[in-house]
Amino acid sequence: MSFWEIVVVGFIKTDEVTSSKKLRKGILNPADSLHNVSPDMQAANRINALYARDYKVTKDIRIISRSLAHLGRSS
C-alpha cells in the first residue's frame, strides 16, 4: 500500500465503504471522536453519509484533535 492510498481521516469501515474502490483508507474516522462508541452498521452508514455531505476541513481537524490516541494504529 502506498502513501497516496491512505488519508488521515476516512470513512467508518462498512460493507458499502469496503466494496468501493474509489475511497481511500483512513487511519481515523468520524466515530473516533465519539470516545468509546462503536456504531452499528446502520449508524455507521448514517455517520459516513453525514460526514461526506457536510464535509469541511475543520471537521477533520476536530476529529484528529479528539482522536490523537488512535493515530498510531494502522488503516
C-alpha atoms as a PDB file:
ATOM      1  CA  MET A   1       0.000   0.000   0.000  1.00  0.00           C
ATOM      2  CA  SER A   2       1.477   3.328  -0.994  1.00  0.00           C
ATOM      3  CA  PHE A   3       1.369   6.607   0.908  1.00  0.00           C
ATOM      4  CA  TRP A   4      -1.146   8.042  -1.566  1.00  0.00           C
ATOM      5  CA  GLU A   5      -3.688   5.312  -0.829  1.00  0.00           C
ATOM      6  CA  ILE A   6      -4.113   6.389   2.807  1.00  0.00           C
ATOM      7  CA  VAL A   7      -5.717   9.507   4.260  1.00  0.00           C
ATOM      8  CA  VAL A   8      -5.685  10.568   7.900  1.00  0.00           C
ATOM      9  CA  VAL A   9      -9.474  10.813   8.252  1.00  0.00           C
ATOM     10  CA  GLY A  10     -11.623   8.473   6.196  1.00  0.00           C
ATOM     11  CA  PHE A  11     -14.951   6.725   6.438  1.00  0.00           C
ATOM     12  CA  ILE A  12     -16.041   4.173   9.043  1.00  0.00           C
ATOM     13  CA  LYS A  13     -15.463   0.712   7.576  1.00  0.00           C
ATOM     14  CA  THR A  14     -18.783  -0.740   6.438  1.00  0.00           C
ATOM     15  CA  ASP A  15     -19.786  -3.115   3.642  1.00  0.00           C
ATOM     16  CA  GLU A  16     -20.521  -0.123   1.390  1.00  0.00           C
ATOM     17  CA  VAL A  17     -17.171   1.537   2.056  1.00  0.00           C
ATOM     18  CA  THR A  18     -15.190  -1.699   1.736  1.00  0.00           C
ATOM     19  CA  SER A  19     -16.745  -2.508  -1.650  1.00  0.00           C
ATOM     20  CA  SER A  20     -15.923   0.932  -3.097  1.00  0.00           C
ATOM     21  CA  LYS A  21     -12.586   1.027  -4.894  1.00  0.00           C
ATOM     22  CA  LYS A  22     -12.577   4.841  -5.131  1.00  0.00           C
ATOM     23  CA  LEU A  23     -12.449   5.517  -1.383  1.00  0.00           C
ATOM     24  CA  ARG A  24      -9.024   5.649   0.199  1.00  0.00           C
ATOM     25  CA  LYS A  25      -8.445   4.067   3.598  1.00  0.00           C
ATOM     26  CA  GLY A  26      -8.241   6.373   6.580  1.00  0.00           C
ATOM     27  CA  ILE A  27      -6.423   5.933   9.869  1.00  0.00           C
ATOM     28  CA  LEU A  28      -9.143   7.820  11.754  1.00  0.00           C
ATOM     29  CA  ASN A  29     -12.862   8.050  11.091  1.00  0.00           C
ATOM     30  CA  PRO A  30     -15.695  10.275  12.337  1.00  0.00           C
ATOM     31  CA  ALA A  31     -16.718   7.781  15.055  1.00  0.00           C
ATOM     32  CA  ASP A  32     -13.271   8.029  16.679  1.00  0.00           C
ATOM     33  CA  SER A  33     -14.162  11.461  18.054  1.00  0.00           C
ATOM     34  CA  LEU A  34     -17.162   9.925  19.867  1.00  0.00           C
ATOM     35  CA  HIS A  35     -14.902   8.268  22.505  1.00  0.00           C
ATOM     36  CA  ASN A  36     -15.537   4.568  23.105  1.00  0.00           C
ATOM     37  CA  VAL A  37     -18.592   4.347  20.860  1.00  0.00           C
ATOM     38  CA  SER A  38     -18.818   1.586  18.266  1.00  0.00           C
ATOM     39  CA  PRO A  39     -21.766   2.356  15.987  1.00  0.00           C
ATOM     40  CA  ASP A  40     -23.748  -0.480  14.452  1.00  0.00           C
ATOM     41  CA  MET A  41     -23.777  -0.839  10.661  1.00  0.00           C
ATOM     42  CA  GLN A  42     -26.838   1.388  10.144  1.00  0.00           C
ATOM     43  CA  ALA A  43     -25.464   4.154  12.379  1.00  0.00           C
ATOM     44  CA  ALA A  44     -22.031   3.880  10.723  1.00  0.00           C
ATOM     45  CA  ASN A  45     -23.582   4.323   7.262  1.00  0.00           C
ATOM     46  CA  ARG A  46     -25.520   7.362   8.524  1.00  0.00           C
ATOM     47  CA  ILE A  47     -22.393   8.900  10.097  1.00  0.00           C
ATOM     48  CA  ASN A  48     -20.473   8.311   6.853  1.00  0.00           C
ATOM     49  CA  ALA A  49     -23.246   9.960   4.822  1.00  0.00           C
ATOM     50  CA  LEU A  50     -23.336  12.997   7.124  1.00  0.00           C
ATOM     51  CA  TYR A  51     -19.543  13.260   7.092  1.00  0.00           C
ATOM     52  CA  ALA A  52     -19.467  13.229   3.280  1.00  0.00           C
ATOM     53  CA  ARG A  53     -22.447  15.541   2.822  1.00  0.00           C
ATOM     54  CA  ASP A  54     -21.284  18.204   5.269  1.00  0.00           C
ATOM     55  CA  TYR A  55     -17.529  17.818   4.748  1.00  0.00           C
ATOM     56  CA  LYS A  56     -15.271  20.597   5.995  1.00  0.00           C
ATOM     57  CA  VAL A  57     -11.554  20.539   6.708  1.00  0.00           C
ATOM     58  CA  THR A  58     -12.360  21.824  10.193  1.00  0.00           C
ATOM     59  CA  LYS A  59     -14.249  18.562  10.869  1.00  0.00           C
ATOM     60  CA  ASP A  60     -11.100  16.604  10.063  1.00  0.00           C
ATOM     61  CA  ILE A  61      -9.068  18.836  12.367  1.00  0.00           C
ATOM     62  CA  ARG A  62     -11.623  18.316  15.159  1.00  0.00           C
ATOM     63  CA  ILE A  63     -11.603  14.533  14.632  1.00  0.00           C
ATOM     64  CA  ILE A  64      -7.787  14.469  14.699  1.00  0.00           C
ATOM     65  CA  SER A  65      -7.580  16.608  17.840  1.00  0.00           C
ATOM     66  CA  ARG A  66     -10.119  14.429  19.677  1.00  0.00           C
ATOM     67  CA  SER A  67      -8.553  11.172  18.494  1.00  0.00           C
ATOM     68  CA  LEU A  68      -4.813  11.637  18.987  1.00  0.00           C
ATOM     69  CA  ALA A  69      -4.572   8.322  20.855  1.00  0.00           C
ATOM     70  CA  HIS A  70      -5.698   6.456  17.720  1.00  0.00           C
ATOM     71  CA  LEU A  71      -3.069   7.919  15.373  1.00  0.00           C
ATOM     72  CA  GLY A  72      -0.613   5.055  15.894  1.00  0.00           C
ATOM     73  CA  ARG A  73      -2.967   2.387  14.571  1.00  0.00           C
ATOM     74  CA  SER A  74      -2.857   1.121  11.005  1.00  0.00           C
ATOM     75  CA  SER A  75      -5.574   1.818   8.477  1.00  0.00           C
END
